[in-house]
Amino acid sequence: MNDVSLHIHGAAGTVTGSCYRLVTPGGDLLVDCGMFQGPKSLRSLNYRDFPFTPSAIAGVLLTHAHIDHTGLFPKLALAGFRGQAWTTEATRDLLHWLLPDAGAIQENDVDRLNRRNSRRGEPRIAPIYTRNDAEASLSLLGAQRYDSWFEPLKGIRARLRNAGHILGSTFIEMEVDAKPRPVRFVFSGDIGPQEKALQPDPSIPDPCDILLLESTYGNRLRQRLTEDDRRSLLGRELSDALKAGGNVIVPVFAVERTQEILDDIARLKRDGEIGAVPVFLDSPLAGRTTEVFRRHRHALERGPDGSVFTGGDFRLIETVEQSKAIGRIHGGAVILAGSGMCDAGRVKHHLKDHLWRQDSTVLFVGYQAPGTLGALVRDGAPRVRIHGEEINVKARIRAIDAYSGHADRDELVEWARPLLPTLGSAMLVHGEPDAVQGLADSLSAAGLERSRIAAPELDQAFGIVFRDGRWQALLSPAAATPRLAPAQASAARDWHNDYAAALLDLRHALQQESDDRLRQQLLNEVRGLIASHGAGIGSGSKRGATISSRT
């Protein structure tokens, strides 16, 4: 019997939190250690204990620098991991900035939350990790070259291949010693699309037995655009937005999306397609990661001439005071700010300043995970809450899908096609249920037996078994208790989202009533409904008065 098993600890039925544990006779190996993003129920997993013993992990492989693939690595180190982690040199250099920044964001968010909790008499909470914790974890990161085999643990060979997703991104090919022959794995990470602005096309994977394949856009096809087409589309959107009279707010990720937009704006200005509009990059992190891109420009498409990201009259905003100053500009500027899903960072302040303005534009250029502020705005919410404040959404809301860093359905199938004849199991991860189902249908149509396609759930375990002449991944009962039920893990919204929406709806309904008598009647009805659910809120009670005052 071969004691090899695979445990799915993230990105199962959802896009974020990538984390897979491979148990082998030579030790336990993690592929990715990502942070969950989206609804609060999903993000709460970031604060909970790992469903495994961190000190028992002998090694880690990181596919790329995005926080949903790396953001819990400092927590892993803080909890006792003392092994070696491997990734590419470019990813290591990006994480030098990204992980400490993630720690600082958590410290700031928790500080704000604890001030609020103190006023409410609620307990204080601690950040998942601090900036100092993240900086300490960086010493565990080692670099490997693309396409070069190495041995992360005894009995395991691995190599990092170009995934074409962002700078330094990889998919991982792995061989694990077993009998009657080694088991071959491919962990896709995130696969980039064709015609990616700055990255070469993904490498072609070698045959394998077990494939873990991302399915972010597994049920979607994008319009095929050349780089010139995409740049012209951006130019039209920016021109139309500026003609409306207000500013253009572009939520961006600090890695890749920022650099693509900067490069295209520079070229649009150079070619005279947009005028001398000021472009503010309100993200110190994005400024620092752009320097990493310049340092690794030899790895980029069009990069060796050194002209990338130059000539656009970009103004990097470093301090909070500078950020507040550009918030006082009410028209004629393009403001790129993080984070890309609007759940943290300075973009939230810019959205507070601009969402209620009819002449402003919010231009989305990246994926918005369900339940995030970005998804709510993009999907047409009439009102949102930001930092506890109600904001009416009156701005122009626009989106460009051409900058996606993920392959679409057909591109994923074509990338995986060379693997289909030998596959024992294809495990579809890193996608919402509809996307997973869509990709499963397409792989089946491409010739892969449906019985060989699995859609893992959070914390499920799979034994690796040699059967019918193939290695296959078979569901095992030897798994940790799931930290979230599948329906919760894949939910586009949770009760936190609905609670915020209910507060906004109640406030709006109270404002629409014609007199105070009807407003009081509505409040009494709401309080009566709460009381009927056993919340203990009675008419005239102190607690009831408190709830009324919060609305």
Protein backbone atom coordinates (compact mmCIF):
# COMPACT_ATOMS: atom_id res chain seq x y z
CA MET A 1 0.00 0.00 0.00
CA ASN A 2 1.24 3.49 -0.87
CA ASP A 3 0.71 5.99 1.92
CA VAL A 4 0.05 8.99 -0.33
CA SER A 5 -3.01 11.14 0.15
CA LEU A 6 -4.20 14.57 -0.93
CA HIS A 7 -6.10 16.94 1.36
CA ILE A 8 -8.04 19.95 0.03
CA HIS A 9 -7.86 22.83 2.52
CA GLY A 10 -8.92 25.75 0.35
CA ALA A 11 -10.20 26.98 -3.02
CA ALA A 12 -12.85 24.25 -2.98
CA GLY A 13 -16.22 25.44 -4.26
CA THR A 14 -14.80 28.94 -4.01
CA VAL A 15 -12.03 30.89 -5.73
CA THR A 16 -9.83 31.89 -2.81
CA GLY A 17 -7.83 30.27 -0.02
CA SER A 18 -5.73 27.96 -2.20
CA CYS A 19 -4.11 25.28 0.00
CA TYR A 20 -3.45 21.60 -0.78
CA ARG A 21 -1.64 19.16 1.49
CA LEU A 22 0.14 16.15 0.05
CA VAL A 23 0.89 13.43 2.60
CA THR A 24 3.77 11.14 1.59
CA PRO A 25 6.20 8.75 3.29
CA GLY A 26 8.83 11.48 2.95
CA GLY A 27 6.74 14.05 4.80
CA ASP A 28 3.82 16.42 4.37
CA LEU A 29 4.06 19.05 1.66
CA LEU A 30 1.79 22.08 1.14
CA VAL A 31 1.07 23.57 -2.25
CA ASP A 32 0.04 27.18 -1.56
CA CYS A 33 -1.10 28.65 1.74
CA GLY A 34 -3.63 31.28 0.69
CA MET A 35 -5.97 33.65 2.41
CA PHE A 36 -9.74 33.38 2.01
CA GLN A 37 -11.48 36.43 0.55
CA GLY A 38 -15.16 37.24 0.02
CA PRO A 39 -18.06 37.02 2.49
CA LYS A 40 -17.20 37.33 6.18
CA SER A 41 -18.15 33.71 6.87
CA LEU A 42 -15.46 32.63 4.44
CA ARG A 43 -12.90 35.18 5.65
CA SER A 44 -13.45 33.99 9.23
CA LEU A 45 -11.52 30.84 8.29
CA ASN A 46 -8.37 32.97 8.18
CA TYR A 47 -8.64 33.45 11.95
CA ARG A 48 -9.22 29.81 12.80
CA ASP A 49 -6.60 27.13 13.43
CA PHE A 50 -5.26 25.24 10.43
CA PRO A 51 -6.94 21.82 9.98
CA PHE A 52 -3.48 20.25 10.27
CA THR A 53 -0.44 20.64 12.53
CA PRO A 54 1.77 23.40 11.05
CA SER A 55 4.94 22.05 12.67
CA ALA A 56 4.34 18.72 10.88
CA ILE A 57 4.57 20.38 7.44
CA ALA A 58 8.01 19.62 6.04
CA GLY A 59 7.90 21.89 2.99
CA VAL A 60 5.79 24.38 1.02
CA LEU A 61 5.58 25.19 -2.69
CA LEU A 62 3.98 28.52 -3.68
CA THR A 63 2.58 28.89 -7.19
CA HIS A 64 2.55 32.71 -7.28
CA ALA A 65 2.43 35.85 -5.18
CA HIS A 66 -1.29 36.65 -5.03
CA ILE A 67 -2.53 36.77 -1.45
CA ASP A 68 -5.24 34.15 -2.01
CA HIS A 69 -2.35 31.74 -2.68
CA THR A 70 0.23 32.99 -0.15
CA GLY A 71 -1.49 35.20 2.43
CA LEU A 72 -1.53 32.67 5.29
CA PHE A 73 2.12 31.68 4.93
CA PRO A 74 3.20 34.05 7.75
CA LYS A 75 0.49 32.51 9.94
CA LEU A 76 1.88 29.05 9.11
CA ALA A 77 5.35 30.16 10.22
CA LEU A 78 3.94 31.80 13.34
CA ALA A 79 2.14 28.54 14.19
CA GLY A 80 5.30 26.44 14.07
CA PHE A 81 6.30 25.71 10.46
CA ARG A 82 10.10 25.65 10.27
CA GLY A 83 10.68 23.94 6.94
CA GLN A 84 11.70 25.36 3.59
CA ALA A 85 9.36 27.05 1.11
CA TRP A 86 10.13 27.23 -2.61
CA THR A 87 8.92 29.50 -5.37
CA THR A 88 10.40 31.51 -8.24
CA GLU A 89 12.80 34.38 -7.67
CA ALA A 90 10.26 36.93 -8.96
CA THR A 91 7.54 35.61 -6.63
CA ARG A 92 9.94 35.73 -3.69
CA ASP A 93 10.78 39.36 -4.52
CA LEU A 94 7.10 40.29 -4.78
CA LEU A 95 6.32 38.60 -1.46
CA HIS A 96 9.02 40.73 0.16
CA TRP A 97 6.47 43.57 -0.19
CA LEU A 98 3.12 41.79 -0.35
CA LEU A 99 3.22 39.77 2.86
CA PRO A 100 4.34 42.58 5.21
CA ASP A 101 1.72 44.82 3.60
CA ALA A 102 -0.94 42.17 4.29
CA GLY A 103 0.17 42.11 7.93
CA ALA A 104 -0.02 45.91 8.17
CA ILE A 105 -3.53 45.91 6.66
CA GLN A 106 -4.65 43.36 9.24
CA GLU A 107 -3.18 45.44 12.06
CA ASN A 108 -4.97 48.56 10.81
CA ASP A 109 -8.29 46.78 10.26
CA VAL A 110 -8.19 45.12 13.66
CA ASP A 111 -7.25 48.40 15.35
CA ARG A 112 -10.32 50.08 13.80
CA LEU A 113 -12.53 47.11 14.73
CA ASN A 114 -11.25 47.04 18.31
CA ARG A 115 -12.05 50.73 18.76
CA ARG A 116 -15.59 49.94 17.66
CA ASN A 117 -15.75 46.83 19.87
CA SER A 118 -14.62 48.87 22.87
CA ARG A 119 -17.49 51.28 22.39
CA ARG A 120 -19.90 48.36 22.16
CA GLY A 121 -18.43 46.49 25.13
CA GLU A 122 -17.35 43.60 22.88
CA PRO A 123 -14.08 41.65 23.25
CA ARG A 124 -10.92 42.69 21.46
CA ILE A 125 -9.50 40.55 18.67
CA ALA A 126 -5.94 40.05 17.48
CA PRO A 127 -4.70 40.27 13.87
CA ILE A 128 -4.00 37.02 12.07
CA TYR A 129 -0.37 38.17 11.96
CA THR A 130 1.49 41.45 12.03
CA ARG A 131 3.90 43.16 9.65
CA ASN A 132 6.78 41.93 11.83
CA ASP A 133 5.46 38.35 11.71
CA ALA A 134 5.30 38.51 7.92
CA GLU A 135 8.81 39.92 7.64
CA ALA A 136 10.11 37.11 9.86
CA SER A 137 8.51 34.47 7.59
CA LEU A 138 10.38 35.74 4.52
CA SER A 139 13.58 34.03 5.69
CA LEU A 140 11.92 30.67 4.96
CA LEU A 141 11.47 31.44 1.23
CA GLY A 142 13.90 29.96 -1.27
CA ALA A 143 13.97 30.41 -5.05
CA GLN A 144 14.04 27.84 -7.85
CA ARG A 145 14.47 28.37 -11.59
CA TYR A 146 11.74 27.57 -14.09
CA ASP A 147 11.84 24.08 -15.64
CA SER A 148 14.52 22.74 -13.31
CA TRP A 149 13.81 19.60 -11.28
CA PHE A 150 14.59 19.71 -7.56
CA GLU A 151 13.77 17.58 -4.50
CA PRO A 152 11.69 19.48 -1.90
CA LEU A 153 11.36 16.32 0.25
CA LYS A 154 12.80 12.84 0.13
CA GLY A 155 10.99 10.83 -2.50
CA ILE A 156 9.46 13.90 -4.20
CA ARG A 157 10.73 15.62 -7.36
CA ALA A 158 9.19 18.89 -8.49
CA ARG A 159 9.68 21.58 -11.07
CA LEU A 160 8.10 24.99 -11.58
CA ARG A 161 6.71 25.79 -15.03
CA ASN A 162 5.55 29.14 -16.40
CA ALA A 163 1.80 29.62 -15.87
CA GLY A 164 1.48 32.93 -17.74
CA HIS A 165 -0.70 34.42 -14.99
CA ILE A 166 1.46 37.09 -13.33
CA LEU A 167 5.14 37.80 -12.96
CA GLY A 168 6.79 34.70 -11.49
CA SER A 169 3.66 32.54 -11.63
CA THR A 170 3.99 28.79 -11.98
CA PHE A 171 2.17 25.55 -12.30
CA ILE A 172 3.89 22.70 -10.49
CA GLU A 173 4.77 19.29 -11.90
CA MET A 174 5.57 16.72 -9.23
CA GLU A 175 6.57 13.07 -9.01
CA VAL A 176 6.12 11.10 -5.79
CA ASP A 177 7.86 7.76 -5.30
CA ALA A 178 5.37 4.88 -5.17
CA LYS A 179 4.87 1.38 -6.51
CA PRO A 180 4.35 0.14 -9.17
CA ARG A 181 5.55 3.53 -10.52
CA PRO A 182 5.81 7.13 -9.32
CA VAL A 183 2.62 9.21 -9.09
CA ARG A 184 2.71 12.26 -11.34
CA PHE A 185 0.83 15.37 -10.19
CA VAL A 186 0.18 18.72 -11.81
CA PHE A 187 -1.01 21.63 -9.64
CA SER A 188 -2.17 24.29 -12.07
CA GLY A 189 -2.06 27.31 -9.77
CA ASP A 190 -3.70 30.03 -11.87
CA ILE A 191 -3.33 29.65 -15.63
CA GLY A 192 -3.07 32.84 -17.65
CA PRO A 193 -4.96 33.56 -20.88
CA GLN A 194 -3.62 33.85 -24.39
CA GLU A 195 -2.69 37.41 -25.43
CA LYS A 196 -1.69 38.33 -21.88
CA ALA A 197 -0.38 41.88 -21.81
CA LEU A 198 2.95 41.33 -20.06
CA GLN A 199 3.35 37.57 -19.68
CA PRO A 200 4.34 34.90 -22.21
CA ASP A 201 1.81 32.17 -22.91
CA PRO A 202 1.67 29.31 -20.37
CA SER A 203 4.04 26.40 -20.88
CA ILE A 204 2.60 23.06 -22.03
CA PRO A 205 2.38 20.54 -19.16
CA ASP A 206 3.79 17.03 -19.39
CA PRO A 207 1.46 14.02 -18.90
CA CYS A 208 0.38 13.27 -15.35
CA ASP A 209 -1.90 11.04 -13.26
CA ILE A 210 -3.57 13.58 -10.97
CA LEU A 211 -4.41 17.10 -12.13
CA LEU A 212 -5.62 19.88 -9.85
CA LEU A 213 -7.04 22.40 -12.31
CA GLU A 214 -8.25 25.91 -11.54
CA SER A 215 -11.75 26.72 -12.81
CA THR A 216 -12.18 30.43 -12.05
CA TYR A 217 -13.64 31.10 -15.51
CA GLY A 218 -14.59 27.49 -16.22
CA ASN A 219 -18.05 28.41 -17.52
CA ARG A 220 -17.15 31.64 -19.32
CA LEU A 221 -15.78 32.64 -22.69
CA ARG A 222 -14.23 36.04 -23.23
CA GLN A 223 -14.18 38.04 -26.41
CA ARG A 224 -10.86 37.43 -28.15
CA LEU A 225 -9.06 40.77 -28.21
CA THR A 226 -5.58 41.63 -29.37
CA GLU A 227 -3.44 43.85 -27.18
CA ASP A 228 -4.25 46.79 -29.48
CA ASP A 229 -7.98 46.05 -29.19
CA ARG A 230 -7.76 45.87 -25.41
CA ARG A 231 -5.81 49.12 -25.20
CA SER A 232 -8.30 50.90 -27.45
CA LEU A 233 -11.17 49.63 -25.27
CA LEU A 234 -9.47 51.09 -22.20
CA GLY A 235 -8.92 54.36 -24.03
CA ARG A 236 -12.62 54.63 -24.94
CA GLU A 237 -13.72 53.88 -21.39
CA LEU A 238 -11.36 56.48 -19.93
CA SER A 239 -12.36 59.11 -22.50
CA ASP A 240 -16.07 58.55 -21.90
CA ALA A 241 -15.59 58.65 -18.14
CA LEU A 242 -13.65 61.90 -18.24
CA LYS A 243 -16.25 63.47 -20.54
CA ALA A 244 -18.84 62.76 -17.83
CA GLY A 245 -17.00 65.35 -15.76
CA GLY A 246 -15.86 63.40 -12.70
CA ASN A 247 -12.89 61.30 -11.72
CA VAL A 248 -12.28 57.72 -12.75
CA ILE A 249 -11.67 55.29 -9.86
CA VAL A 250 -9.96 52.07 -10.93
CA PRO A 251 -9.70 49.39 -8.20
CA VAL A 252 -6.48 47.50 -8.93
CA PHE A 253 -4.42 44.67 -7.58
CA ALA A 254 -0.88 45.72 -6.74
CA VAL A 255 0.60 42.92 -8.84
CA GLU A 256 0.18 42.64 -12.61
CA ARG A 257 -3.14 44.48 -13.07
CA THR A 258 -1.59 47.78 -11.98
CA GLN A 259 1.41 47.30 -14.25
CA GLU A 260 -0.78 46.33 -17.24
CA ILE A 261 -2.96 49.41 -16.82
CA LEU A 262 0.06 51.70 -16.36
CA ASP A 263 1.67 50.28 -19.49
CA ASP A 264 -1.48 50.72 -21.56
CA ILE A 265 -2.16 54.26 -20.33
CA ALA A 266 1.43 55.22 -21.15
CA ARG A 267 0.97 53.92 -24.69
CA LEU A 268 -2.44 55.60 -25.07
CA LYS A 269 -0.88 58.91 -24.08
CA ARG A 270 2.11 58.38 -26.32
CA ASP A 271 -0.17 57.63 -29.28
CA GLY A 272 -2.43 60.60 -28.57
CA GLU A 273 -5.54 58.50 -27.86
CA ILE A 274 -6.08 60.19 -24.51
CA GLY A 275 -4.93 63.62 -23.41
CA ALA A 276 -2.60 64.76 -20.66
CA VAL A 277 -4.87 63.54 -17.88
CA PRO A 278 -3.23 63.15 -14.45
CA VAL A 279 -2.96 59.53 -13.34
CA PHE A 280 -2.54 58.89 -9.62
CA LEU A 281 -1.30 55.54 -8.36
CA ASP A 282 -2.62 55.63 -4.80
CA SER A 283 -0.89 52.51 -3.57
CA PRO A 284 2.61 52.54 -2.13
CA LEU A 285 2.58 48.75 -2.45
CA ALA A 286 1.83 48.96 -6.18
CA GLY A 287 4.68 51.41 -6.58
CA ARG A 288 7.10 49.01 -4.92
CA THR A 289 5.90 45.96 -6.85
CA THR A 290 6.25 47.94 -10.08
CA GLU A 291 9.94 48.28 -9.23
CA VAL A 292 10.07 44.49 -8.95
CA PHE A 293 8.57 44.27 -12.43
CA ARG A 294 11.25 46.62 -13.74
CA ARG A 295 13.94 44.51 -12.09
CA HIS A 296 12.54 41.36 -13.74
CA ARG A 297 11.64 42.99 -17.06
CA HIS A 298 13.72 40.39 -18.93
CA ALA A 299 10.93 37.91 -18.09
CA LEU A 300 8.17 40.12 -19.55
CA GLU A 301 6.83 40.45 -23.05
CA ARG A 302 8.30 43.70 -24.49
CA GLY A 303 10.29 44.08 -21.30
CA PRO A 304 13.99 44.04 -22.24
CA ASP A 305 14.00 47.52 -23.78
CA GLY A 306 13.24 48.98 -20.35
CA SER A 307 10.41 51.20 -21.61
CA VAL A 308 7.60 49.40 -19.83
CA PHE A 309 5.61 51.54 -17.33
CA THR A 310 7.30 54.76 -18.43
CA GLY A 311 6.08 57.91 -20.17
CA GLY A 312 2.64 58.06 -18.57
CA ASP A 313 3.07 60.98 -16.15
CA PHE A 314 2.13 58.74 -13.23
CA ARG A 315 2.09 60.23 -9.78
CA LEU A 316 2.77 57.75 -6.99
CA ILE A 317 0.87 58.59 -3.80
CA GLU A 318 2.82 57.52 -0.75
CA THR A 319 1.29 59.12 2.35
CA VAL A 320 -2.20 59.18 3.80
CA GLU A 321 -2.15 62.98 3.61
CA GLN A 322 -1.39 62.82 -0.13
CA SER A 323 -4.22 60.32 -0.58
CA LYS A 324 -6.65 62.64 1.20
CA ALA A 325 -5.48 65.52 -0.98
CA ILE A 326 -6.35 63.77 -4.23
CA GLY A 327 -9.70 62.92 -2.66
CA ARG A 328 -10.44 66.64 -2.89
CA ILE A 329 -10.05 66.58 -6.69
CA HIS A 330 -13.57 66.31 -8.09
CA GLY A 331 -12.96 65.89 -11.80
CA GLY A 332 -10.51 65.15 -14.60
CA ALA A 333 -8.28 62.58 -12.89
CA VAL A 334 -7.69 58.83 -13.09
CA ILE A 335 -7.07 57.25 -9.68
CA LEU A 336 -5.75 53.70 -9.47
CA ALA A 337 -6.05 52.40 -5.92
CA GLY A 338 -5.96 49.08 -4.10
CA SER A 339 -7.32 46.70 -3.28
CA GLY A 340 -8.66 45.19 -6.47
CA MET A 341 -11.79 43.74 -4.83
CA CYS A 342 -12.40 46.91 -2.75
CA ASP A 343 -12.31 45.03 0.55
CA ALA A 344 -9.29 46.86 1.97
CA GLY A 345 -6.89 49.65 1.28
CA ARG A 346 -7.27 53.20 0.06
CA VAL A 347 -9.79 52.46 -2.68
CA LYS A 348 -12.53 52.25 -0.03
CA HIS A 349 -11.95 55.89 0.88
CA HIS A 350 -12.11 56.91 -2.80
CA LEU A 351 -15.34 54.97 -3.24
CA LYS A 352 -16.82 56.84 -0.25
CA ASP A 353 -15.85 60.09 -1.96
CA HIS A 354 -17.13 59.19 -5.43
CA LEU A 355 -19.84 56.50 -5.46
CA TRP A 356 -22.55 59.06 -4.67
CA ARG A 357 -21.46 61.40 -7.49
CA GLN A 358 -23.31 60.94 -10.78
CA ASP A 359 -20.40 62.30 -12.81
CA SER A 360 -17.83 59.90 -11.30
CA THR A 361 -16.94 56.53 -12.81
CA VAL A 362 -15.81 53.30 -11.15
CA LEU A 363 -14.03 51.13 -13.71
CA PHE A 364 -13.49 47.47 -12.74
CA VAL A 365 -10.66 45.70 -14.54
CA GLY A 366 -10.35 42.53 -12.44
CA TYR A 367 -12.20 39.63 -10.88
CA GLN A 368 -14.55 40.47 -7.99
CA ALA A 369 -15.09 37.57 -5.59
CA PRO A 370 -18.71 37.05 -4.47
CA GLY A 371 -19.59 38.94 -1.32
CA THR A 372 -16.82 41.53 -1.68
CA LEU A 373 -17.59 45.24 -1.82
CA GLY A 374 -16.38 45.27 -5.41
CA ALA A 375 -18.83 42.54 -6.41
CA LEU A 376 -21.72 44.36 -4.71
CA VAL A 377 -20.95 47.60 -6.56
CA ARG A 378 -20.29 45.92 -9.90
CA ASP A 379 -23.52 43.90 -9.66
CA GLY A 380 -25.67 46.99 -9.19
CA ALA A 381 -26.28 47.44 -5.46
CA PRO A 382 -28.14 50.76 -5.05
CA ARG A 383 -26.56 51.38 -1.62
CA VAL A 384 -23.51 50.01 0.19
CA ARG A 385 -21.91 50.43 3.60
CA ILE A 386 -18.27 51.51 3.78
CA HIS A 387 -16.60 51.87 7.19
CA GLY A 388 -20.06 51.71 8.75
CA GLU A 389 -21.41 54.58 6.62
CA GLU A 390 -24.25 54.30 4.12
CA ILE A 391 -23.36 55.38 0.57
CA ASN A 392 -25.85 55.71 -2.29
CA VAL A 393 -24.43 54.38 -5.57
CA LYS A 394 -25.00 57.00 -8.26
CA ALA A 395 -21.68 56.82 -10.12
CA ARG A 396 -21.21 55.26 -13.55
CA ILE A 397 -20.22 51.61 -13.00
CA ARG A 398 -18.19 50.10 -15.83
CA ALA A 399 -16.14 46.92 -16.29
CA ILE A 400 -13.52 45.66 -18.73
CA ASP A 401 -12.99 41.90 -18.76
CA ALA A 402 -10.02 42.04 -21.15
CA TYR A 403 -7.45 42.37 -18.37
CA SER A 404 -8.31 39.10 -16.65
CA GLY A 405 -5.32 37.10 -15.51
CA HIS A 406 -7.20 33.80 -15.84
CA ALA A 407 -7.70 31.55 -18.85
CA ASP A 408 -11.34 31.15 -19.85
CA ARG A 409 -13.17 27.85 -20.37
CA ASP A 410 -11.79 27.00 -23.80
CA GLU A 411 -8.26 28.10 -22.90
CA LEU A 412 -8.32 25.88 -19.81
CA VAL A 413 -9.50 22.89 -21.83
CA GLU A 414 -6.80 23.46 -24.47
CA TRP A 415 -4.11 23.80 -21.81
CA ALA A 416 -5.23 20.56 -20.16
CA ARG A 417 -5.83 18.63 -23.41
CA PRO A 418 -2.33 17.03 -23.57
CA LEU A 419 -2.99 15.53 -20.12
CA LEU A 420 -6.37 13.96 -20.80
CA PRO A 421 -5.22 10.58 -22.25
CA THR A 422 -3.22 9.63 -19.15
CA LEU A 423 -5.28 11.23 -16.39
CA GLY A 424 -6.53 9.10 -13.56
CA SER A 425 -8.30 12.04 -11.88
CA ALA A 426 -8.96 15.68 -12.72
CA MET A 427 -9.83 17.66 -9.60
CA LEU A 428 -11.50 20.98 -10.36
CA VAL A 429 -10.62 23.61 -7.77
CA HIS A 430 -10.41 27.38 -7.42
CA GLY A 431 -13.87 28.04 -8.83
CA GLU A 432 -17.47 28.69 -7.88
CA PRO A 433 -19.91 25.77 -8.37
CA ASP A 434 -21.27 26.97 -11.73
CA ALA A 435 -17.75 27.46 -13.07
CA VAL A 436 -16.66 24.01 -11.86
CA GLN A 437 -19.73 22.43 -13.49
CA GLY A 438 -19.12 24.27 -16.75
CA LEU A 439 -15.50 23.15 -16.94
CA ALA A 440 -16.43 19.57 -16.04
CA ASP A 441 -18.91 19.52 -18.94
CA SER A 442 -16.27 20.86 -21.33
CA LEU A 443 -13.60 18.40 -20.24
CA SER A 444 -16.10 15.58 -20.64
CA ALA A 445 -16.92 16.81 -24.14
CA ALA A 446 -13.17 16.86 -24.87
CA GLY A 447 -12.98 13.11 -24.11
CA LEU A 448 -12.25 12.81 -20.40
CA GLU A 449 -14.49 10.23 -18.73
CA ARG A 450 -16.90 11.91 -16.33
CA SER A 451 -16.01 9.36 -13.64
CA ARG A 452 -12.46 10.77 -13.64
CA ILE A 453 -13.59 14.33 -12.86
CA ALA A 454 -14.02 15.38 -9.23
CA ALA A 455 -15.17 18.60 -7.58
CA PRO A 456 -13.57 18.50 -4.10
CA GLU A 457 -15.19 20.11 -1.09
CA LEU A 458 -13.37 21.98 1.66
CA ASP A 459 -11.18 19.73 3.86
CA GLN A 460 -11.94 16.55 1.93
CA ALA A 461 -9.20 13.93 1.72
CA PHE A 462 -8.37 11.66 -1.24
CA GLY A 463 -6.34 8.49 -1.18
CA ILE A 464 -4.04 7.99 -4.17
CA VAL A 465 -4.74 4.46 -5.37
CA PHE A 466 -3.39 2.43 -8.32
CA ARG A 467 -6.44 0.88 -9.98
CA ASP A 468 -7.22 -0.30 -13.54
CA GLY A 469 -3.68 0.51 -14.60
CA ARG A 470 -3.83 4.16 -13.41
CA TRP A 471 -3.21 6.23 -10.35
CA GLN A 472 -6.50 7.72 -9.18
CA ALA A 473 -7.64 10.01 -6.38
CA LEU A 474 -10.45 8.34 -4.43
CA LEU A 475 -12.47 10.10 -1.73
CA SER A 476 -11.36 9.01 1.73
CA PRO A 477 -13.20 9.29 5.05
CA ALA A 478 -9.89 10.17 6.74
CA ALA A 479 -10.38 13.93 6.62
CA ALA A 480 -10.63 16.78 9.05
CA THR A 481 -14.13 17.92 9.97
CA PRO A 482 -15.06 20.52 7.32
CA ARG A 483 -14.64 24.03 8.71
CA LEU A 484 -17.55 25.24 6.57
CA ALA A 485 -20.39 23.34 4.93
CA PRO A 486 -20.13 23.29 1.11
CA ALA A 487 -23.10 25.64 0.75
CA GLN A 488 -21.43 28.17 3.08
CA ALA A 489 -18.05 27.90 1.39
CA SER A 490 -19.53 28.57 -2.05
CA ALA A 491 -22.16 31.14 -1.07
CA ALA A 492 -22.01 34.38 -3.03
CA ARG A 493 -23.44 36.20 0.00
CA ASP A 494 -23.69 35.35 3.68
CA TRP A 495 -25.71 36.69 6.59
CA HIS A 496 -23.22 39.51 7.09
CA ASN A 497 -23.94 40.78 3.57
CA ASP A 498 -27.69 40.44 4.13
CA TYR A 499 -27.45 42.14 7.54
CA ALA A 500 -25.73 45.16 5.99
CA ALA A 501 -28.31 45.22 3.19
CA ALA A 502 -31.17 44.94 5.69
CA LEU A 503 -29.86 47.94 7.65
CA LEU A 504 -29.68 49.97 4.44
CA ASP A 505 -33.19 48.86 3.40
CA LEU A 506 -34.64 49.70 6.82
CA ARG A 507 -33.06 53.14 6.83
CA HIS A 508 -34.35 53.78 3.30
CA ALA A 509 -37.85 52.57 4.21
CA LEU A 510 -37.93 54.87 7.26
CA GLN A 511 -36.91 57.82 5.12
CA GLN A 512 -39.65 57.06 2.61
CA GLU A 513 -42.47 57.05 5.18
CA SER A 514 -44.53 60.25 5.24
CA ASP A 515 -44.61 60.89 9.02
CA ASP A 516 -43.08 59.80 12.33
CA ARG A 517 -46.14 57.74 13.30
CA LEU A 518 -45.64 55.42 10.33
CA ARG A 519 -41.89 55.27 10.99
CA GLN A 520 -42.54 54.22 14.58
CA GLN A 521 -45.04 51.64 13.39
CA LEU A 522 -42.44 50.16 11.03
CA LEU A 523 -39.85 50.01 13.81
CA ASN A 524 -42.35 48.31 16.15
CA GLU A 525 -43.06 45.70 13.49
CA VAL A 526 -39.37 45.00 13.02
CA ARG A 527 -38.77 44.77 16.77
CA GLY A 528 -41.77 42.50 17.16
CA LEU A 529 -40.38 40.18 14.50
CA ILE A 530 -37.02 40.07 16.31
CA ALA A 531 -38.76 39.37 19.62
CA SER A 532 -40.72 36.51 18.04
CA HIS A 533 -37.37 34.84 17.25
CA GLY A 534 -36.45 34.79 20.93
CA ALA A 535 -34.02 37.72 20.87
CA GLY A 536 -35.54 39.09 24.07
CA ILE A 537 -36.23 42.56 22.76
CA GLY A 538 -39.38 43.98 24.28
CA SER A 539 -41.24 47.21 23.73
CA GLY A 540 -39.49 50.05 25.47
CA SER A 541 -36.57 47.92 26.62
CA LYS A 542 -33.13 49.43 26.85
CA ARG A 543 -31.79 46.97 24.31
CA GLY A 544 -34.64 47.75 21.90
CA ALA A 545 -33.88 51.44 22.17
CA THR A 546 -30.26 50.72 21.35
CA ILE A 547 -31.18 48.80 18.21
CA SER A 548 -33.54 51.55 17.10
CA SER A 549 -30.80 54.12 17.53
CA ARG A 550 -28.42 52.08 15.37
CA THR A 551 -30.76 52.16 12.42
